[in-house]
Amino acid sequence: MNISTLLAVLANWSIDPPVVVGLIITALLYWAGFRYAKRRGIERRHLAPWRPWLFALTLVIIFLTLDSPLDSLADTLVYAHMIQHELLTMVAAPLLLLSQPFMLIWRGVPLGARRVTLKWMARTGWPLRTLEAIVGFWRKPAVSWIVFTGVFSAWHLPWLYDAATENDTIHACEHMCFLVAAVFFWSQVIPSLPFKPRLSSIGQVGYFGLAALWGNVLGWAFMFSTTAIYPYYAALPRAAGAISAVTDEHLAGGVMDAADTAIFLSVIIIALALWLREDERRQAERDAQIAASRVATLQSHSAQM
């Protein structure tokens, strides 16, 4: 890619008004909720100064993923499209959870609207029960894992992938599915009110280990393909010297495999370290109890002599 082509790509921002408006509204609700909670001293331990900055970073990443030249590049290159998917599921989703945004966004909704909504839900009953049932079921570790890997795999089927590439509405639905499924997936390890992890440290090792293996399988399917998988990209005109559709798919597989392996392996190492630390803490407590019991026994014997 020569300099003029690179500059043309970098200048091609695909600004999508719904994305921009949605991000602005979300940011305003978060900021209003943060100020509301801070004024009333609500959940002080969740109002660390770094969380708003992390939330802002998350919104910037989502914006750059969906509206920057990367999105324009994704219209012609599979590997650029794959970078978008990895940014949404492997970067934006965990950062979003770390920023603890959900309760603050809710508190950013005008008080009157919140009261009316809560009164209606309390009066009718079924909306709250339905919501709790859906979220409770989806947050089961096995369900979160299956939904995340299933959603990610299904959207990479040729007919569905091409449909998303050719239709903006389907494309937006695809990205929303990735982000929502990834948030539930990562909520098994990252606490973020109202979500709490349901897996132990050793359970997280198996959870992410299986996810890494499945990511490897999908990545290898791209890297070892011998024919173009997606008709949309195969039919695109390519300039002389440009990479072929098959090579493009190989690069996409490499992006998926490298990102999933690196991130999931890092999480597995952290989970193992936490598990070992917890095991050492429990062992230290047992040793302290044994030592205390021995001291008490010795003191009892001394008192009897």
Protein backbone atom coordinates (compact mmCIF):
# COMPACT_ATOMS: atom_id res chain seq x y z
CA MET A 1 0.00 0.00 0.00
CA ASN A 2 1.62 3.26 -1.14
CA ILE A 3 1.47 6.56 0.76
CA SER A 4 -1.34 8.06 -1.31
CA THR A 5 -3.50 4.95 -0.86
CA LEU A 6 -2.80 4.88 2.88
CA LEU A 7 -3.75 8.56 3.23
CA ALA A 8 -6.95 7.94 1.28
CA VAL A 9 -7.85 5.07 3.62
CA LEU A 10 -7.12 7.11 6.75
CA ALA A 11 -9.24 9.97 5.46
CA ASN A 12 -12.23 7.71 4.81
CA TRP A 13 -14.24 7.97 8.03
CA SER A 14 -17.58 6.17 7.81
CA ILE A 15 -19.52 8.22 10.34
CA ASP A 16 -22.73 6.38 11.25
CA PRO A 17 -25.20 8.78 12.95
CA PRO A 18 -26.96 6.09 15.06
CA VAL A 19 -23.61 4.98 16.49
CA VAL A 20 -22.52 8.54 17.29
CA VAL A 21 -25.88 9.50 18.80
CA GLY A 22 -26.04 6.27 20.80
CA LEU A 23 -22.55 6.79 22.23
CA ILE A 24 -23.27 10.43 23.12
CA ILE A 25 -26.54 9.52 24.90
CA THR A 26 -24.80 6.69 26.78
CA ALA A 27 -21.97 9.03 27.84
CA LEU A 28 -24.42 11.69 29.06
CA LEU A 29 -26.45 9.16 31.05
CA TYR A 30 -23.29 7.75 32.63
CA TRP A 31 -22.01 11.19 33.59
CA ALA A 32 -25.38 12.22 35.05
CA GLY A 33 -25.56 8.95 37.00
CA PHE A 34 -22.00 9.35 38.25
CA ARG A 35 -22.70 12.86 39.56
CA TYR A 36 -25.98 11.72 41.13
CA ALA A 37 -24.31 8.81 42.94
CA LYS A 38 -21.36 10.91 44.04
CA ARG A 39 -23.55 13.68 45.49
CA ARG A 40 -25.50 11.14 47.54
CA GLY A 41 -22.52 9.02 48.53
CA ILE A 42 -23.96 5.94 46.84
CA GLU A 43 -21.57 3.03 46.26
CA ARG A 44 -18.45 5.01 47.05
CA ARG A 45 -16.18 2.05 46.39
CA HIS A 46 -17.49 1.86 42.81
CA LEU A 47 -16.84 5.55 42.11
CA ALA A 48 -13.06 5.37 41.78
CA PRO A 49 -11.75 8.30 39.69
CA TRP A 50 -10.27 5.96 37.07
CA ARG A 51 -13.60 4.32 36.19
CA PRO A 52 -15.06 7.27 34.22
CA TRP A 53 -11.82 7.49 32.25
CA LEU A 54 -12.01 3.78 31.53
CA PHE A 55 -15.62 4.16 30.43
CA ALA A 56 -14.62 7.04 28.14
CA LEU A 57 -11.84 4.89 26.69
CA THR A 58 -14.36 2.12 26.03
CA LEU A 59 -16.65 4.49 24.13
CA VAL A 60 -13.70 5.76 22.09
CA ILE A 61 -12.71 2.19 21.21
CA ILE A 62 -16.27 1.39 20.13
CA PHE A 63 -16.40 4.57 18.05
CA LEU A 64 -13.04 3.86 16.37
CA THR A 65 -14.09 0.27 15.75
CA LEU A 66 -17.38 1.15 14.07
CA ASP A 67 -16.88 4.61 12.53
CA SER A 68 -13.17 5.03 11.78
CA PRO A 69 -11.35 4.17 8.55
CA LEU A 70 -11.18 0.61 9.93
CA ASP A 71 -14.89 0.25 9.15
CA SER A 72 -14.37 1.46 5.59
CA LEU A 73 -11.46 -0.94 5.21
CA ALA A 74 -13.65 -3.78 6.49
CA ASP A 75 -15.86 -3.35 3.42
CA THR A 76 -13.03 -4.67 1.26
CA LEU A 77 -10.86 -6.80 3.59
CA VAL A 78 -11.93 -9.72 5.76
CA TYR A 79 -9.04 -9.28 8.19
CA ALA A 80 -10.07 -5.66 8.86
CA HIS A 81 -13.59 -6.87 9.57
CA MET A 82 -12.12 -9.48 11.93
CA ILE A 83 -10.17 -6.78 13.79
CA GLN A 84 -13.50 -5.04 14.41
CA HIS A 85 -14.99 -8.21 15.87
CA GLU A 86 -11.99 -8.79 18.13
CA LEU A 87 -12.00 -5.20 19.37
CA LEU A 88 -15.68 -5.43 20.31
CA THR A 89 -15.54 -8.83 22.01
CA MET A 90 -12.00 -8.97 23.44
CA VAL A 91 -11.34 -5.31 24.31
CA ALA A 92 -14.49 -3.18 24.52
CA ALA A 93 -16.62 -5.71 26.44
CA PRO A 94 -14.19 -6.38 29.33
CA LEU A 95 -13.26 -2.68 29.60
CA LEU A 96 -16.95 -1.81 29.74
CA LEU A 97 -17.45 -4.17 32.67
CA LEU A 98 -14.39 -2.81 34.48
CA SER A 99 -15.80 0.72 34.25
CA GLN A 100 -18.89 -0.34 36.28
CA PRO A 101 -21.36 1.59 34.08
CA PHE A 102 -24.73 -0.14 34.33
CA MET A 103 -26.10 1.17 37.63
CA LEU A 104 -24.72 4.64 36.91
CA ILE A 105 -26.37 4.74 33.49
CA TRP A 106 -29.67 3.75 35.12
CA ARG A 107 -29.27 6.51 37.71
CA GLY A 108 -28.60 8.94 34.89
CA VAL A 109 -32.15 8.45 33.63
CA PRO A 110 -34.39 11.30 34.86
CA LEU A 111 -35.80 10.53 38.32
CA GLY A 112 -39.41 10.84 37.17
CA ALA A 113 -38.90 8.30 34.39
CA ARG A 114 -37.19 5.91 36.81
CA ARG A 115 -40.01 6.17 39.33
CA VAL A 116 -42.70 5.63 36.71
CA THR A 117 -40.84 2.62 35.31
CA LEU A 118 -40.24 1.03 38.73
CA LYS A 119 -43.86 1.62 39.82
CA TRP A 120 -45.16 0.05 36.61
CA MET A 121 -42.85 -2.95 37.01
CA ALA A 122 -43.80 -3.36 40.68
CA ARG A 123 -47.53 -3.03 39.90
CA THR A 124 -47.63 -5.45 36.98
CA GLY A 125 -44.97 -7.82 38.29
CA TRP A 126 -44.33 -9.83 35.14
CA PRO A 127 -41.78 -7.48 33.45
CA LEU A 128 -39.40 -7.69 36.41
CA ARG A 129 -39.86 -11.44 36.80
CA THR A 130 -39.32 -11.97 33.08
CA LEU A 131 -36.21 -9.79 33.03
CA GLU A 132 -34.74 -11.52 36.07
CA ALA A 133 -35.47 -14.94 34.57
CA ILE A 134 -33.86 -14.07 31.24
CA VAL A 135 -30.77 -12.47 32.76
CA GLY A 136 -30.46 -15.20 35.39
CA PHE A 137 -30.60 -17.93 32.75
CA TRP A 138 -28.22 -16.13 30.38
CA ARG A 139 -25.72 -15.55 33.17
CA LYS A 140 -25.30 -19.24 33.90
CA PRO A 141 -21.64 -19.93 32.99
CA ALA A 142 -22.49 -22.71 30.54
CA VAL A 143 -25.17 -20.58 28.86
CA SER A 144 -22.90 -17.51 28.65
CA TRP A 145 -20.17 -19.63 27.09
CA ILE A 146 -22.47 -21.32 24.57
CA VAL A 147 -24.22 -18.07 23.61
CA PHE A 148 -20.94 -16.20 23.12
CA THR A 149 -19.19 -18.88 21.08
CA GLY A 150 -22.42 -19.67 19.23
CA VAL A 151 -23.11 -16.03 18.32
CA PHE A 152 -19.50 -15.47 17.23
CA SER A 153 -19.47 -18.66 15.15
CA ALA A 154 -22.89 -18.15 13.57
CA TRP A 155 -22.14 -14.63 12.36
CA HIS A 156 -19.08 -15.97 10.53
CA LEU A 157 -21.11 -18.40 8.45
CA PRO A 158 -20.78 -17.31 4.79
CA TRP A 159 -24.43 -16.47 4.12
CA LEU A 160 -24.88 -14.51 7.36
CA TYR A 161 -21.48 -12.81 7.12
CA ASP A 162 -22.17 -11.67 3.56
CA ALA A 163 -25.64 -10.46 4.54
CA ALA A 164 -24.12 -8.31 7.30
CA THR A 165 -21.54 -6.91 4.91
CA GLU A 166 -24.14 -5.98 2.30
CA ASN A 167 -26.83 -4.58 4.64
CA ASP A 168 -26.14 -1.83 7.20
CA THR A 169 -29.02 -2.83 9.48
CA ILE A 170 -27.91 -6.46 9.64
CA HIS A 171 -24.33 -5.27 10.13
CA ALA A 172 -25.37 -3.14 13.11
CA CYS A 173 -27.31 -6.09 14.54
CA GLU A 174 -24.21 -8.27 14.15
CA HIS A 175 -22.03 -5.87 16.11
CA MET A 176 -24.67 -5.42 18.81
CA CYS A 177 -24.95 -9.20 19.19
CA PHE A 178 -21.16 -9.46 19.55
CA LEU A 179 -20.99 -6.76 22.22
CA VAL A 180 -23.95 -7.99 24.30
CA ALA A 181 -22.90 -11.65 24.17
CA ALA A 182 -19.33 -10.67 25.06
CA VAL A 183 -20.47 -8.60 28.06
CA PHE A 184 -22.33 -11.61 29.51
CA PHE A 185 -19.36 -13.85 28.66
CA TRP A 186 -16.83 -11.64 30.44
CA SER A 187 -19.17 -10.99 33.38
CA GLN A 188 -18.26 -14.49 34.59
CA VAL A 189 -14.84 -13.17 35.60
CA ILE A 190 -15.21 -9.36 35.88
CA PRO A 191 -17.56 -8.10 38.61
CA SER A 192 -19.70 -5.20 37.47
CA LEU A 193 -22.91 -4.27 39.30
CA PRO A 194 -25.44 -5.80 39.05
CA PHE A 195 -23.38 -8.75 37.76
CA LYS A 196 -21.20 -10.90 39.98
CA PRO A 197 -18.89 -13.66 38.72
CA ARG A 198 -20.33 -17.13 39.26
CA LEU A 199 -17.16 -19.11 38.59
CA SER A 200 -14.34 -19.93 40.97
CA SER A 201 -10.79 -19.17 39.87
CA ILE A 202 -10.21 -22.76 38.78
CA GLY A 203 -13.59 -22.73 37.02
CA GLN A 204 -12.50 -19.66 35.09
CA VAL A 205 -9.43 -21.55 33.89
CA GLY A 206 -11.63 -24.20 32.26
CA TYR A 207 -14.12 -21.61 31.00
CA PHE A 208 -11.53 -19.54 29.15
CA GLY A 209 -9.40 -22.53 28.21
CA LEU A 210 -12.30 -24.03 26.24
CA ALA A 211 -13.05 -20.62 24.71
CA ALA A 212 -9.41 -20.32 23.60
CA LEU A 213 -9.53 -23.77 22.02
CA TRP A 214 -12.72 -22.92 20.15
CA GLY A 215 -11.16 -19.66 18.97
CA ASN A 216 -8.18 -21.64 17.69
CA VAL A 217 -10.48 -23.97 15.74
CA LEU A 218 -12.27 -21.03 14.08
CA GLY A 219 -8.98 -19.26 13.39
CA TRP A 220 -7.47 -22.36 11.81
CA ALA A 221 -10.56 -22.76 9.61
CA PHE A 222 -9.66 -19.37 8.11
CA MET A 223 -5.88 -19.83 8.07
CA PHE A 224 -5.98 -23.18 6.30
CA SER A 225 -8.73 -22.36 3.81
CA THR A 226 -7.83 -23.10 0.20
CA THR A 227 -10.77 -21.32 -1.44
CA ALA A 228 -12.57 -18.04 -0.79
CA ILE A 229 -15.13 -18.55 1.97
CA TYR A 230 -17.17 -15.40 1.43
CA PRO A 231 -18.67 -14.74 -2.02
CA TYR A 232 -18.97 -11.01 -1.26
CA TYR A 233 -15.22 -10.56 -0.81
CA ALA A 234 -14.35 -13.02 -3.57
CA ALA A 235 -16.35 -10.95 -6.07
CA LEU A 236 -14.71 -7.63 -5.20
CA PRO A 237 -12.40 -6.16 -7.85
CA ARG A 238 -8.79 -6.12 -6.64
CA ALA A 239 -6.03 -3.84 -7.81
CA ALA A 240 -2.85 -5.28 -9.24
CA GLY A 241 -0.57 -6.44 -6.42
CA ALA A 242 -3.38 -6.55 -3.85
CA ILE A 243 -3.72 -9.62 -1.66
CA SER A 244 -6.05 -12.35 -2.86
CA ALA A 245 -9.33 -13.24 -1.15
CA VAL A 246 -7.79 -16.43 0.21
CA THR A 247 -4.75 -14.63 1.64
CA ASP A 248 -7.09 -12.07 3.15
CA GLU A 249 -8.93 -14.91 4.92
CA HIS A 250 -5.63 -16.35 6.15
CA LEU A 251 -4.81 -12.99 7.73
CA ALA A 252 -8.28 -12.84 9.29
CA GLY A 253 -7.72 -16.26 10.83
CA GLY A 254 -4.38 -15.09 12.16
CA VAL A 255 -6.00 -12.03 13.75
CA MET A 256 -8.64 -14.18 15.44
CA ASP A 257 -6.24 -16.89 16.58
CA ALA A 258 -3.55 -14.52 17.89
CA ALA A 259 -5.97 -12.20 19.72
CA ASP A 260 -8.02 -14.97 21.32
CA THR A 261 -4.97 -16.97 22.36
CA ALA A 262 -3.09 -14.00 23.82
CA ILE A 263 -6.04 -12.56 25.75
CA PHE A 264 -7.55 -15.82 26.98
CA LEU A 265 -4.14 -17.18 27.97
CA SER A 266 -3.46 -14.01 29.96
CA VAL A 267 -6.79 -14.39 31.77
CA ILE A 268 -6.05 -18.07 32.47
CA ILE A 269 -2.66 -17.18 33.99
CA ILE A 270 -4.28 -14.52 36.19
CA ALA A 271 -7.02 -16.97 37.28
CA LEU A 272 -4.40 -19.61 38.15
CA ALA A 273 -2.42 -17.05 40.15
CA LEU A 274 -5.56 -16.04 42.07
CA TRP A 275 -6.43 -19.68 42.68
CA LEU A 276 -2.95 -20.41 44.03
CA ARG A 277 -3.06 -17.30 46.22
CA GLU A 278 -6.45 -18.30 47.60
CA ASP A 279 -5.19 -21.84 48.22
CA GLU A 280 -2.17 -20.45 50.08
CA ARG A 281 -4.43 -18.20 52.15
CA ARG A 282 -6.66 -21.12 53.12
CA GLN A 283 -3.61 -23.21 54.00
CA ALA A 284 -2.22 -20.38 56.13
CA GLU A 285 -5.57 -20.13 57.95
CA ARG A 286 -5.56 -23.88 58.59
CA ASP A 287 -1.98 -23.72 59.87
CA ALA A 288 -2.89 -20.82 62.15
CA GLN A 289 -5.89 -22.74 63.50
CA ILE A 290 -3.72 -25.83 64.14
CA ALA A 291 -1.08 -23.72 65.86
CA ALA A 292 -3.72 -21.97 67.98
CA SER A 293 -5.21 -25.34 68.91
CA ARG A 294 -1.82 -26.66 69.96
CA VAL A 295 -1.14 -23.57 72.06
CA ALA A 296 -4.53 -23.91 73.73
CA THR A 297 -3.83 -27.59 74.46
CA LEU A 298 -0.43 -26.79 75.95
CA GLN A 299 -1.92 -24.02 78.08
CA SER A 300 -4.62 -26.40 79.30
CA HIS A 301 -2.04 -29.01 80.25
CA SER A 302 0.06 -26.39 82.04
CA ALA A 303 -2.94 -25.22 84.04
CA GLN A 304 -3.66 -28.77 85.17
CA MET A 305 -0.11 -29.37 86.43
